[in-house]
Amino acid sequence: MTSRKRHKKILKLAKGYRGRSKNCFRIAVQKVEKGLQYAYRDRKCNKRVFRRLWIQRINAAVREHGMVYSQFMRGISLMKVEMDRKMLSELAVRSPRSFGTLVKAVEAKLNEAA
C-alpha cells in the first residue's frame, strides 16, 4: 500500500505531462523532480522580473512628466512616501493624473532640497 500511495502521489503531480511522462512511474519521477526544481528557481526569478517591470513602468510614466526614474525615487525618499515600486507602478498605470500630481510634488521637494 505504501508504494502504491507514493506512485499515485507522483503520477498526480505528473498530470498534464506529455507522452509516457504522465503514466510511466520511472519517467514521471524524473520529470516531476525537474519540474519542482524549475518551480523553486522561478519563484525566486519571478520577484526579479516583476521588480524590473515595475521600474520600467515608473520610469516611462515619470519621463512623460520630464523627469528620470532615479531623480523621482530620490524625491520620493526625501518626501518619506511609504509606497513601494509595485504600488507606484499601479498608480502610474491606473490613474496617471494622480501620478502626475505626485511627480509635481516630488519636483517641488527636489527644488526645495537643492
PDB file of N, CA and C in Angstrom:
ATOM      1  N   MET A   1       0.813  -1.207   0.000  1.00  0.00           N
ATOM      2  CA  MET A   1       0.000   0.000   0.000  1.00  0.00           C
ATOM      3  C   MET A   1       0.854   1.268   0.000  1.00  0.00           C
ATOM      4  N   THR A   2       1.987   1.230   0.696  1.00  0.00           N
ATOM      5  CA  THR A   2       2.832   2.416   0.780  1.00  0.00           C
ATOM      6  C   THR A   2       3.364   2.812  -0.590  1.00  0.00           C
ATOM      7  N   SER A   3       3.830   1.795  -1.336  1.00  0.00           N
ATOM      8  CA  SER A   3       4.385   2.103  -2.655  1.00  0.00           C
ATOM      9  C   SER A   3       3.296   2.599  -3.601  1.00  0.00           C
ATOM     10  N   ARG A   4       2.102   2.020  -3.481  1.00  0.00           N
ATOM     11  CA  ARG A   4       1.001   2.471  -4.341  1.00  0.00           C
ATOM     12  C   ARG A   4       0.669   3.932  -4.045  1.00  0.00           C
ATOM     13  N   LYS A   5       0.687   4.291  -2.764  1.00  0.00           N
ATOM     14  CA  LYS A   5       0.402   5.663  -2.361  1.00  0.00           C
ATOM     15  C   LYS A   5       1.440   6.616  -2.941  1.00  0.00           C
ATOM     16  N   ARG A   6       2.707   6.198  -2.878  1.00  0.00           N
ATOM     17  CA  ARG A   6       3.803   7.020  -3.409  1.00  0.00           C
ATOM     18  C   ARG A   6       3.670   7.177  -4.915  1.00  0.00           C
ATOM     19  N   HIS A   7       3.352   6.057  -5.596  1.00  0.00           N
ATOM     20  CA  HIS A   7       3.179   6.098  -7.054  1.00  0.00           C
ATOM     21  C   HIS A   7       2.041   7.042  -7.428  1.00  0.00           C
ATOM     22  N   LYS A   8       0.927   6.924  -6.705  1.00  0.00           N
ATOM     23  CA  LYS A   8      -0.227   7.775  -7.016  1.00  0.00           C
ATOM     24  C   LYS A   8       0.099   9.248  -6.806  1.00  0.00           C
ATOM     25  N   LYS A   9       0.881   9.531  -5.759  1.00  0.00           N
ATOM     26  CA  LYS A   9       1.249  10.919  -5.481  1.00  0.00           C
ATOM     27  C   LYS A   9       2.084  11.498  -6.624  1.00  0.00           C
ATOM     28  N   ILE A  10       3.067  10.730  -7.089  1.00  0.00           N
ATOM     29  CA  ILE A  10       3.938  11.187  -8.190  1.00  0.00           C
ATOM     30  C   ILE A  10       3.128  11.338  -9.477  1.00  0.00           C
ATOM     31  N   LEU A  11       2.291  10.352  -9.785  1.00  0.00           N
ATOM     32  CA  LEU A  11       1.523  10.409 -11.029  1.00  0.00           C
ATOM     33  C   LEU A  11       0.489  11.535 -11.002  1.00  0.00           C
ATOM     34  N   LYS A  12       0.007  11.874  -9.815  1.00  0.00           N
ATOM     35  CA  LYS A  12      -0.906  13.013  -9.704  1.00  0.00           C
ATOM     36  C   LYS A  12      -0.171  14.309 -10.016  1.00  0.00           C
ATOM     37  N   LEU A  13       1.086  14.407  -9.535  1.00  0.00           N
ATOM     38  CA  LEU A  13       1.883  15.601  -9.832  1.00  0.00           C
ATOM     39  C   LEU A  13       2.259  15.681 -11.309  1.00  0.00           C
ATOM     40  N   ALA A  14       2.342  14.517 -11.960  1.00  0.00           N
ATOM     41  CA  ALA A  14       2.744  14.468 -13.370  1.00  0.00           C
ATOM     42  C   ALA A  14       1.558  14.644 -14.324  1.00  0.00           C
ATOM     43  N   LYS A  15       0.387  14.883 -13.771  1.00  0.00           N
ATOM     44  CA  LYS A  15      -0.807  15.050 -14.600  1.00  0.00           C
ATOM     45  C   LYS A  15      -0.610  16.231 -15.549  1.00  0.00           C
ATOM     46  N   GLY A  16      -0.905  16.016 -16.817  1.00  0.00           N
ATOM     47  CA  GLY A  16      -0.767  17.081 -17.800  1.00  0.00           C
ATOM     48  C   GLY A  16       0.535  17.019 -18.585  1.00  0.00           C
ATOM     49  N   TYR A  17       1.445  16.150 -18.172  1.00  0.00           N
ATOM     50  CA  TYR A  17       2.698  15.986 -18.917  1.00  0.00           C
ATOM     51  C   TYR A  17       2.418  15.217 -20.196  1.00  0.00           C
ATOM     52  N   ARG A  18       3.358  15.275 -21.153  1.00  0.00           N
ATOM     53  CA  ARG A  18       3.168  14.625 -22.444  1.00  0.00           C
ATOM     54  C   ARG A  18       3.819  13.258 -22.483  1.00  0.00           C
ATOM     55  N   GLY A  19       3.274  12.382 -23.298  1.00  0.00           N
ATOM     56  CA  GLY A  19       3.872  11.068 -23.526  1.00  0.00           C
ATOM     57  C   GLY A  19       3.855  10.188 -22.285  1.00  0.00           C
ATOM     58  N   ARG A  20       4.923   9.381 -22.140  1.00  0.00           N
ATOM     59  CA  ARG A  20       4.986   8.441 -21.017  1.00  0.00           C
ATOM     60  C   ARG A  20       5.286   9.149 -19.702  1.00  0.00           C
ATOM     61  N   SER A  21       5.610  10.423 -19.761  1.00  0.00           N
ATOM     62  CA  SER A  21       5.936  11.172 -18.547  1.00  0.00           C
ATOM     63  C   SER A  21       4.769  11.216 -17.573  1.00  0.00           C
ATOM     64  N   LYS A  22       3.558  11.055 -18.089  1.00  0.00           N
ATOM     65  CA  LYS A  22       2.394  11.170 -17.215  1.00  0.00           C
ATOM     66  C   LYS A  22       1.929   9.842 -16.642  1.00  0.00           C
ATOM     67  N   ASN A  23       2.341   8.711 -17.251  1.00  0.00           N
ATOM     68  CA  ASN A  23       1.802   7.443 -16.754  1.00  0.00           C
ATOM     69  C   ASN A  23       2.852   6.362 -16.477  1.00  0.00           C
ATOM     70  N   CYS A  24       4.092   6.594 -16.826  1.00  0.00           N
ATOM     71  CA  CYS A  24       5.162   5.644 -16.541  1.00  0.00           C
ATOM     72  C   CYS A  24       5.902   6.163 -15.308  1.00  0.00           C
ATOM     73  N   PHE A  25       5.862   5.408 -14.218  1.00  0.00           N
ATOM     74  CA  PHE A  25       6.321   5.917 -12.926  1.00  0.00           C
ATOM     75  C   PHE A  25       7.772   6.393 -12.954  1.00  0.00           C
ATOM     76  N   ARG A  26       8.662   5.582 -13.519  1.00  0.00           N
ATOM     77  CA  ARG A  26      10.089   5.938 -13.509  1.00  0.00           C
ATOM     78  C   ARG A  26      10.351   7.275 -14.188  1.00  0.00           C
ATOM     79  N   ILE A  27       9.745   7.450 -15.330  1.00  0.00           N
ATOM     80  CA  ILE A  27       9.933   8.692 -16.084  1.00  0.00           C
ATOM     81  C   ILE A  27       9.230   9.846 -15.370  1.00  0.00           C
ATOM     82  N   ALA A  28       8.063   9.551 -14.814  1.00  0.00           N
ATOM     83  CA  ALA A  28       7.301  10.591 -14.110  1.00  0.00           C
ATOM     84  C   ALA A  28       8.088  11.133 -12.920  1.00  0.00           C
ATOM     85  N   VAL A  29       8.792  10.260 -12.208  1.00  0.00           N
ATOM     86  CA  VAL A  29       9.584  10.700 -11.054  1.00  0.00           C
ATOM     87  C   VAL A  29      10.622  11.724 -11.501  1.00  0.00           C
ATOM     88  N   GLN A  30      11.321  11.415 -12.587  1.00  0.00           N
ATOM     89  CA  GLN A  30      12.360  12.327 -13.096  1.00  0.00           C
ATOM     90  C   GLN A  30      11.745  13.665 -13.505  1.00  0.00           C
ATOM     91  N   LYS A  31      10.648  13.599 -14.236  1.00  0.00           N
ATOM     92  CA  LYS A  31      10.023  14.821 -14.745  1.00  0.00           C
ATOM     93  C   LYS A  31       9.453  15.674 -13.608  1.00  0.00           C
ATOM     94  N   VAL A  32       8.844  15.024 -12.626  1.00  0.00           N
ATOM     95  CA  VAL A  32       8.264  15.761 -11.500  1.00  0.00           C
ATOM     96  C   VAL A  32       9.367  16.437 -10.693  1.00  0.00           C
ATOM     97  N   GLU A  33      10.464  15.711 -10.433  1.00  0.00           N
ATOM     98  CA  GLU A  33      11.573  16.304  -9.681  1.00  0.00           C
ATOM     99  C   GLU A  33      12.139  17.513 -10.418  1.00  0.00           C
ATOM    100  N   LYS A  34      12.310  17.378 -11.729  1.00  0.00           N
ATOM    101  CA  LYS A  34      12.829  18.500 -12.514  1.00  0.00           C
ATOM    102  C   LYS A  34      11.844  19.669 -12.493  1.00  0.00           C
ATOM    103  N   GLY A  35      10.550  19.347 -12.592  1.00  0.00           N
ATOM    104  CA  GLY A  35       9.534  20.391 -12.548  1.00  0.00           C
ATOM    105  C   GLY A  35       9.539  21.137 -11.226  1.00  0.00           C
ATOM    106  N   LEU A  36       9.742  20.416 -10.127  1.00  0.00           N
ATOM    107  CA  LEU A  36       9.804  21.061  -8.823  1.00  0.00           C
ATOM    108  C   LEU A  36      11.046  21.941  -8.696  1.00  0.00           C
ATOM    109  N   GLN A  37      12.144  21.514  -9.311  1.00  0.00           N
ATOM    110  CA  GLN A  37      13.358  22.343  -9.318  1.00  0.00           C
ATOM    111  C   GLN A  37      13.099  23.648 -10.073  1.00  0.00           C
ATOM    112  N   TYR A  38      12.449  23.537 -11.230  1.00  0.00           N
ATOM    113  CA  TYR A  38      12.120  24.728 -12.010  1.00  0.00           C
ATOM    114  C   TYR A  38      11.197  25.653 -11.215  1.00  0.00           C
ATOM    115  N   ALA A  39      10.218  25.069 -10.527  1.00  0.00           N
ATOM    116  CA  ALA A  39       9.266  25.871  -9.763  1.00  0.00           C
ATOM    117  C   ALA A  39       9.985  26.641  -8.656  1.00  0.00           C
ATOM    118  N   TYR A  40      10.904  25.972  -7.978  1.00  0.00           N
ATOM    119  CA  TYR A  40      11.661  26.619  -6.896  1.00  0.00           C
ATOM    120  C   TYR A  40      12.498  27.767  -7.455  1.00  0.00           C
ATOM    121  N   ARG A  41      13.199  27.490  -8.550  1.00  0.00           N
ATOM    122  CA  ARG A  41      14.058  28.511  -9.162  1.00  0.00           C
ATOM    123  C   ARG A  41      13.238  29.711  -9.640  1.00  0.00           C
ATOM    124  N   ASP A  42      12.109  29.432 -10.269  1.00  0.00           N
ATOM    125  CA  ASP A  42      11.337  30.504 -10.881  1.00  0.00           C
ATOM    126  C   ASP A  42      10.546  31.319  -9.875  1.00  0.00           C
ATOM    127  N   ARG A  43      10.287  30.768  -8.691  1.00  0.00           N
ATOM    128  CA  ARG A  43       9.675  31.586  -7.650  1.00  0.00           C
ATOM    129  C   ARG A  43      10.611  32.716  -7.262  1.00  0.00           C
ATOM    130  N   LYS A  44      11.912  32.437  -7.264  1.00  0.00           N
ATOM    131  CA  LYS A  44      12.904  33.477  -6.967  1.00  0.00           C
ATOM    132  C   LYS A  44      13.017  34.444  -8.150  1.00  0.00           C
ATOM    133  N   CYS A  45      13.024  33.887  -9.345  1.00  0.00           N
ATOM    134  CA  CYS A  45      13.213  34.677 -10.568  1.00  0.00           C
ATOM    135  C   CYS A  45      12.041  35.629 -10.796  1.00  0.00           C
ATOM    136  N   ASN A  46      10.826  35.174 -10.458  1.00  0.00           N
ATOM    137  CA  ASN A  46       9.632  35.998 -10.638  1.00  0.00           C
ATOM    138  C   ASN A  46       9.757  37.329  -9.923  1.00  0.00           C
ATOM    139  N   LYS A  47      10.328  37.315  -8.737  1.00  0.00           N
ATOM    140  CA  LYS A  47      10.473  38.540  -7.956  1.00  0.00           C
ATOM    141  C   LYS A  47      11.328  39.548  -8.706  1.00  0.00           C
ATOM    142  N   ARG A  48      12.421  39.047  -9.316  1.00  0.00           N
ATOM    143  CA  ARG A  48      13.305  39.928 -10.098  1.00  0.00           C
ATOM    144  C   ARG A  48      12.586  40.486 -11.315  1.00  0.00           C
ATOM    145  N   VAL A  49      11.867  39.615 -12.001  1.00  0.00           N
ATOM    146  CA  VAL A  49      11.189  40.002 -13.239  1.00  0.00           C
ATOM    147  C   VAL A  49      10.140  41.081 -12.967  1.00  0.00           C
ATOM    148  N   PHE A  50       9.362  40.885 -11.909  1.00  0.00           N
ATOM    149  CA  PHE A  50       8.323  41.865 -11.602  1.00  0.00           C
ATOM    150  C   PHE A  50       8.911  43.182 -11.140  1.00  0.00           C
ATOM    151  N   ARG A  51       9.977  43.139 -10.348  1.00  0.00           N
ATOM    152  CA  ARG A  51      10.612  44.395  -9.922  1.00  0.00           C
ATOM    153  C   ARG A  51      11.091  45.182 -11.138  1.00  0.00           C
ATOM    154  N   ARG A  52      11.694  44.482 -12.106  1.00  0.00           N
ATOM    155  CA  ARG A  52      12.161  45.130 -13.333  1.00  0.00           C
ATOM    156  C   ARG A  52      10.998  45.757 -14.094  1.00  0.00           C
ATOM    157  N   LEU A  53       9.867  45.053 -14.151  1.00  0.00           N
ATOM    158  CA  LEU A  53       8.683  45.569 -14.835  1.00  0.00           C
ATOM    159  C   LEU A  53       8.163  46.834 -14.145  1.00  0.00           C
ATOM    160  N   TRP A  54       8.099  46.801 -12.815  1.00  0.00           N
ATOM    161  CA  TRP A  54       7.608  47.970 -12.079  1.00  0.00           C
ATOM    162  C   TRP A  54       8.504  49.174 -12.315  1.00  0.00           C
ATOM    163  N   ILE A  55       9.820  48.953 -12.331  1.00  0.00           N
ATOM    164  CA  ILE A  55      10.758  50.057 -12.553  1.00  0.00           C
ATOM    165  C   ILE A  55      10.576  50.631 -13.950  1.00  0.00           C
ATOM    166  N   GLN A  56      10.393  49.769 -14.946  1.00  0.00           N
ATOM    167  CA  GLN A  56      10.174  50.247 -16.314  1.00  0.00           C
ATOM    168  C   GLN A  56       8.904  51.082 -16.411  1.00  0.00           C
ATOM    169  N   ARG A  57       7.845  50.627 -15.767  1.00  0.00           N
ATOM    170  CA  ARG A  57       6.579  51.365 -15.807  1.00  0.00           C
ATOM    171  C   ARG A  57       6.709  52.737 -15.145  1.00  0.00           C
ATOM    172  N   ILE A  58       7.356  52.755 -13.978  1.00  0.00           N
ATOM    173  CA  ILE A  58       7.532  54.030 -13.271  1.00  0.00           C
ATOM    174  C   ILE A  58       8.378  54.968 -14.110  1.00  0.00           C
ATOM    175  N   ASN A  59       9.456  54.449 -14.685  1.00  0.00           N
ATOM    176  CA  ASN A  59      10.361  55.257 -15.493  1.00  0.00           C
ATOM    177  C   ASN A  59       9.619  55.860 -16.693  1.00  0.00           C
ATOM    178  N   ALA A  60       8.811  55.045 -17.371  1.00  0.00           N
ATOM    179  CA  ALA A  60       8.058  55.536 -18.530  1.00  0.00           C
ATOM    180  C   ALA A  60       7.076  56.632 -18.122  1.00  0.00           C
ATOM    181  N   ALA A  61       6.388  56.421 -17.006  1.00  0.00           N
ATOM    182  CA  ALA A  61       5.400  57.404 -16.556  1.00  0.00           C
ATOM    183  C   ALA A  61       6.066  58.695 -16.106  1.00  0.00           C
ATOM    184  N   VAL A  62       7.223  58.579 -15.463  1.00  0.00           N
ATOM    185  CA  VAL A  62       7.931  59.761 -14.963  1.00  0.00           C
ATOM    186  C   VAL A  62       8.511  60.563 -16.124  1.00  0.00           C
ATOM    187  N   ARG A  63       9.003  59.880 -17.142  1.00  0.00           N
ATOM    188  CA  ARG A  63       9.583  60.570 -18.305  1.00  0.00           C
ATOM    189  C   ARG A  63       8.543  61.380 -19.063  1.00  0.00           C
ATOM    190  N   GLU A  64       7.274  60.979 -18.994  1.00  0.00           N
ATOM    191  CA  GLU A  64       6.215  61.767 -19.624  1.00  0.00           C
ATOM    192  C   GLU A  64       6.090  63.139 -18.967  1.00  0.00           C
ATOM    193  N   HIS A  65       6.541  63.232 -17.726  1.00  0.00           N
ATOM    194  CA  HIS A  65       6.472  64.496 -16.981  1.00  0.00           C
ATOM    195  C   HIS A  65       7.827  65.196 -16.925  1.00  0.00           C
ATOM    196  N   GLY A  66       8.789  64.735 -17.738  1.00  0.00           N
ATOM    197  CA  GLY A  66      10.077  65.419 -17.857  1.00  0.00           C
ATOM    198  C   GLY A  66      11.052  65.157 -16.719  1.00  0.00           C
ATOM    199  N   MET A  67      10.995  63.994 -16.144  1.00  0.00           N
ATOM    200  CA  MET A  67      11.917  63.631 -15.057  1.00  0.00           C
ATOM    201  C   MET A  67      12.446  62.228 -15.339  1.00  0.00           C
ATOM    202  N   VAL A  68      13.487  61.849 -14.655  1.00  0.00           N
ATOM    203  CA  VAL A  68      14.010  60.488 -14.817  1.00  0.00           C
ATOM    204  C   VAL A  68      13.769  59.699 -13.539  1.00  0.00           C
ATOM    205  N   TYR A  69      13.832  58.395 -13.659  1.00  0.00           N
ATOM    206  CA  TYR A  69      13.489  57.483 -12.568  1.00  0.00           C
ATOM    207  C   TYR A  69      14.314  57.728 -11.312  1.00  0.00           C
ATOM    208  N   SER A  70      15.618  57.875 -11.481  1.00  0.00           N
ATOM    209  CA  SER A  70      16.483  57.999 -10.301  1.00  0.00           C
ATOM    210  C   SER A  70      16.167  59.264  -9.503  1.00  0.00           C
ATOM    211  N   GLN A  71      15.931  60.372 -10.200  1.00  0.00           N
ATOM    212  CA  GLN A  71      15.563  61.617  -9.516  1.00  0.00           C
ATOM    213  C   GLN A  71      14.221  61.456  -8.800  1.00  0.00           C
ATOM    214  N   PHE A  72      13.284  60.793  -9.483  1.00  0.00           N
ATOM    215  CA  PHE A  72      11.964  60.589  -8.897  1.00  0.00           C
ATOM    216  C   PHE A  72      12.058  59.770  -7.618  1.00  0.00           C
ATOM    217  N   MET A  73      12.815  58.690  -7.647  1.00  0.00           N
ATOM    218  CA  MET A  73      12.933  57.837  -6.469  1.00  0.00           C
ATOM    219  C   MET A  73      13.655  58.564  -5.331  1.00  0.00           C
ATOM    220  N   ARG A  74      14.610  59.417  -5.679  1.00  0.00           N
ATOM    221  CA  ARG A  74      15.285  60.215  -4.652  1.00  0.00           C
ATOM    222  C   ARG A  74      14.295  61.171  -4.002  1.00  0.00           C
ATOM    223  N   GLY A  75      13.476  61.806  -4.834  1.00  0.00           N
ATOM    224  CA  GLY A  75      12.460  62.723  -4.317  1.00  0.00           C
ATOM    225  C   GLY A  75      11.434  62.012  -3.448  1.00  0.00           C
ATOM    226  N   ILE A  76      11.066  60.804  -3.852  1.00  0.00           N
ATOM    227  CA  ILE A  76      10.114  60.007  -3.064  1.00  0.00           C
ATOM    228  C   ILE A  76      10.701  59.713  -1.682  1.00  0.00           C
ATOM    229  N   SER A  77      11.994  59.376  -1.643  1.00  0.00           N
ATOM    230  CA  SER A  77      12.616  59.080  -0.347  1.00  0.00           C
ATOM    231  C   SER A  77      12.749  60.342   0.500  1.00  0.00           C
ATOM    232  N   LEU A  78      13.012  61.501  -0.154  1.00  0.00           N
ATOM    233  CA  LEU A  78      13.081  62.763   0.588  1.00  0.00           C
ATOM    234  C   LEU A  78      11.722  63.143   1.175  1.00  0.00           C
ATOM    235  N   MET A  79      10.661  62.832   0.433  1.00  0.00           N
ATOM    236  CA  MET A  79       9.311  63.138   0.905  1.00  0.00           C
ATOM    237  C   MET A  79       8.832  62.146   1.958  1.00  0.00           C
ATOM    238  N   LYS A  80       9.588  61.054   2.117  1.00  0.00           N
ATOM    239  CA  LYS A  80       9.224  59.981   3.059  1.00  0.00           C
ATOM    240  C   LYS A  80       7.860  59.364   2.724  1.00  0.00           C
ATOM    241  N   VAL A  81       7.655  59.130   1.429  1.00  0.00           N
ATOM    242  CA  VAL A  81       6.433  58.466   0.977  1.00  0.00           C
ATOM    243  C   VAL A  81       6.627  56.964   1.162  1.00  0.00           C
ATOM    244  N   GLU A  82       5.686  56.320   1.832  1.00  0.00           N
ATOM    245  CA  GLU A  82       5.789  54.894   2.135  1.00  0.00           C
ATOM    246  C   GLU A  82       5.072  54.058   1.073  1.00  0.00           C
ATOM    247  N   MET A  83       5.472  54.209  -0.185  1.00  0.00           N
ATOM    248  CA  MET A  83       4.902  53.397  -1.259  1.00  0.00           C
ATOM    249  C   MET A  83       6.026  52.636  -1.925  1.00  0.00           C
ATOM    250  N   ASP A  84       5.806  51.344  -2.149  1.00  0.00           N
ATOM    251  CA  ASP A  84       6.827  50.555  -2.828  1.00  0.00           C
ATOM    252  C   ASP A  84       6.672  50.694  -4.342  1.00  0.00           C
ATOM    253  N   ARG A  85       7.581  50.091  -5.065  1.00  0.00           N
ATOM    254  CA  ARG A  85       7.583  50.215  -6.524  1.00  0.00           C
ATOM    255  C   ARG A  85       6.337  49.604  -7.152  1.00  0.00           C
ATOM    256  N   LYS A  86       5.849  48.536  -6.556  1.00  0.00           N
ATOM    257  CA  LYS A  86       4.641  47.895  -7.079  1.00  0.00           C
ATOM    258  C   LYS A  86       3.463  48.866  -7.043  1.00  0.00           C
ATOM    259  N   MET A  87       3.279  49.540  -5.921  1.00  0.00           N
ATOM    260  CA  MET A  87       2.162  50.463  -5.790  1.00  0.00           C
ATOM    261  C   MET A  87       2.352  51.696  -6.663  1.00  0.00           C
ATOM    262  N   LEU A  88       3.582  52.175  -6.775  1.00  0.00           N
ATOM    263  CA  LEU A  88       3.843  53.331  -7.639  1.00  0.00           C
ATOM    264  C   LEU A  88       3.537  53.001  -9.093  1.00  0.00           C
ATOM    265  N   SER A  89       3.912  51.795  -9.533  1.00  0.00           N
ATOM    266  CA  SER A  89       3.645  51.423 -10.923  1.00  0.00           C
ATOM    267  C   SER A  89       2.153  51.250 -11.158  1.00  0.00           C
ATOM    268  N   GLU A  90       1.442  50.694 -10.186  1.00  0.00           N
ATOM    269  CA  GLU A  90      -0.016  50.572 -10.313  1.00  0.00           C
ATOM    270  C   GLU A  90      -0.667  51.947 -10.405  1.00  0.00           C
ATOM    271  N   LEU A  91      -0.189  52.874  -9.587  1.00  0.00           N
ATOM    272  CA  LEU A  91      -0.701  54.244  -9.615  1.00  0.00           C
ATOM    273  C   LEU A  91      -0.437  54.882 -10.981  1.00  0.00           C
ATOM    274  N   ALA A  92       0.766  54.651 -11.525  1.00  0.00           N
ATOM    275  CA  ALA A  92       1.137  55.222 -12.817  1.00  0.00           C
ATOM    276  C   ALA A  92       0.266  54.674 -13.941  1.00  0.00           C
ATOM    277  N   VAL A  93      -0.071  53.381 -13.871  1.00  0.00           N
ATOM    278  CA  VAL A  93      -0.851  52.751 -14.938  1.00  0.00           C
ATOM    279  C   VAL A  93      -2.337  53.064 -14.795  1.00  0.00           C
ATOM    280  N   ARG A  94      -2.858  52.942 -13.580  1.00  0.00           N
ATOM    281  CA  ARG A  94      -4.311  53.046 -13.379  1.00  0.00           C
ATOM    282  C   ARG A  94      -4.829  54.471 -13.247  1.00  0.00           C
ATOM    283  N   SER A  95      -4.043  55.355 -12.633  1.00  0.00           N
ATOM    284  CA  SER A  95      -4.512  56.747 -12.531  1.00  0.00           C
ATOM    285  C   SER A  95      -3.352  57.708 -12.796  1.00  0.00           C
ATOM    286  N   PRO A  96      -3.101  57.972 -14.072  1.00  0.00           N
ATOM    287  CA  PRO A  96      -1.984  58.829 -14.457  1.00  0.00           C
ATOM    288  C   PRO A  96      -2.087  60.262 -13.917  1.00  0.00           C
ATOM    289  N   ARG A  97      -3.310  60.746 -13.729  1.00  0.00           N
ATOM    290  CA  ARG A  97      -3.475  62.118 -13.226  1.00  0.00           C
ATOM    291  C   ARG A  97      -2.905  62.269 -11.822  1.00  0.00           C
ATOM    292  N   SER A  98      -3.287  61.362 -10.936  1.00  0.00           N
ATOM    293  CA  SER A  98      -2.791  61.451  -9.564  1.00  0.00           C
ATOM    294  C   SER A  98      -1.290  61.174  -9.523  1.00  0.00           C
ATOM    295  N   PHE A  99      -0.799  60.323 -10.438  1.00  0.00           N
ATOM    296  CA  PHE A  99       0.641  60.090 -10.512  1.00  0.00           C
ATOM    297  C   PHE A  99       1.354  61.369 -10.952  1.00  0.00           C
ATOM    298  N   GLY A 100       0.738  62.096 -11.892  1.00  0.00           N
ATOM    299  CA  GLY A 100       1.302  63.376 -12.323  1.00  0.00           C
ATOM    300  C   GLY A 100       1.379  64.375 -11.178  1.00  0.00           C
ATOM    301  N   THR A 101       0.367  64.386 -10.340  1.00  0.00           N
ATOM    302  CA  THR A 101       0.379  65.247  -9.155  1.00  0.00           C
ATOM    303  C   THR A 101       1.524  64.872  -8.224  1.00  0.00           C
ATOM    304  N   LEU A 102       1.725  63.575  -8.057  1.00  0.00           N
ATOM    305  CA  LEU A 102       2.826  63.087  -7.217  1.00  0.00           C
ATOM    306  C   LEU A 102       4.174  63.511  -7.800  1.00  0.00           C
ATOM    307  N   VAL A 103       4.308  63.434  -9.122  1.00  0.00           N
ATOM    308  CA  VAL A 103       5.565  63.837  -9.780  1.00  0.00           C
ATOM    309  C   VAL A 103       5.825  65.325  -9.553  1.00  0.00           C
ATOM    310  N   LYS A 104       4.784  66.131  -9.674  1.00  0.00           N
ATOM    311  CA  LYS A 104       4.948  67.575  -9.430  1.00  0.00           C
ATOM    312  C   LYS A 104       5.364  67.854  -7.985  1.00  0.00           C
ATOM    313  N   ALA A 105       4.792  67.123  -7.036  1.00  0.00           N
ATOM    314  CA  ALA A 105       5.160  67.288  -5.627  1.00  0.00           C
ATOM    315  C   ALA A 105       6.617  66.881  -5.410  1.00  0.00           C
ATOM    316  N   VAL A 106       7.047  65.822  -6.080  1.00  0.00           N
ATOM    317  CA  VAL A 106       8.442  65.377  -5.966  1.00  0.00           C
ATOM    318  C   VAL A 106       9.380  66.423  -6.554  1.00  0.00           C
ATOM    319  N   GLU A 107       8.987  66.990  -7.707  1.00  0.00           N
ATOM    320  CA  GLU A 107       9.796  68.064  -8.314  1.00  0.00           C
ATOM    321  C   GLU A 107       9.962  69.238  -7.360  1.00  0.00           C
ATOM    322  N   ALA A 108       8.862  69.618  -6.733  1.00  0.00           N
ATOM    323  CA  ALA A 108       8.900  70.729  -5.784  1.00  0.00           C
ATOM    324  C   ALA A 108       9.829  70.412  -4.615  1.00  0.00           C
ATOM    325  N   LYS A 109       9.762  69.202  -4.122  1.00  0.00           N
ATOM    326  CA  LYS A 109      10.606  68.787  -2.999  1.00  0.00           C
ATOM    327  C   LYS A 109      12.082  68.793  -3.403  1.00  0.00           C
ATOM    328  N   LEU A 110      12.371  68.344  -4.622  1.00  0.00           N
ATOM    329  CA  LEU A 110      13.748  68.321  -5.108  1.00  0.00           C
ATOM    330  C   LEU A 110      14.294  69.742  -5.267  1.00  0.00           C
ATOM    331  N   ASN A 111      13.468  70.661  -5.784  1.00  0.00           N
ATOM    332  CA  ASN A 111      13.885  72.064  -5.938  1.00  0.00           C
ATOM    333  C   ASN A 111      14.128  72.708  -4.579  1.00  0.00           C
ATOM    334  N   GLU A 112      13.275  72.341  -3.619  1.00  0.00           N
ATOM    335  CA  GLU A 112      13.416  72.861  -2.260  1.00  0.00           C
ATOM    336  C   GLU A 112      14.698  72.349  -1.592  1.00  0.00           C
ATOM    337  N   ALA A 113      15.012  71.083  -1.855  1.00  0.00           N
ATOM    338  CA  ALA A 113      16.206  70.468  -1.248  1.00  0.00           C
ATOM    339  C   ALA A 113      17.488  70.995  -1.868  1.00  0.00           C
ATOM    340  N   ALA A 114      17.411  71.392  -3.128  1.00  0.00           N
ATOM    341  CA  ALA A 114      18.621  71.882  -3.826  1.00  0.00           C
ATOM    342  C   ALA A 114      18.881  73.319  -3.554  1.00  0.00           C
TER     343      ALA A 114
END
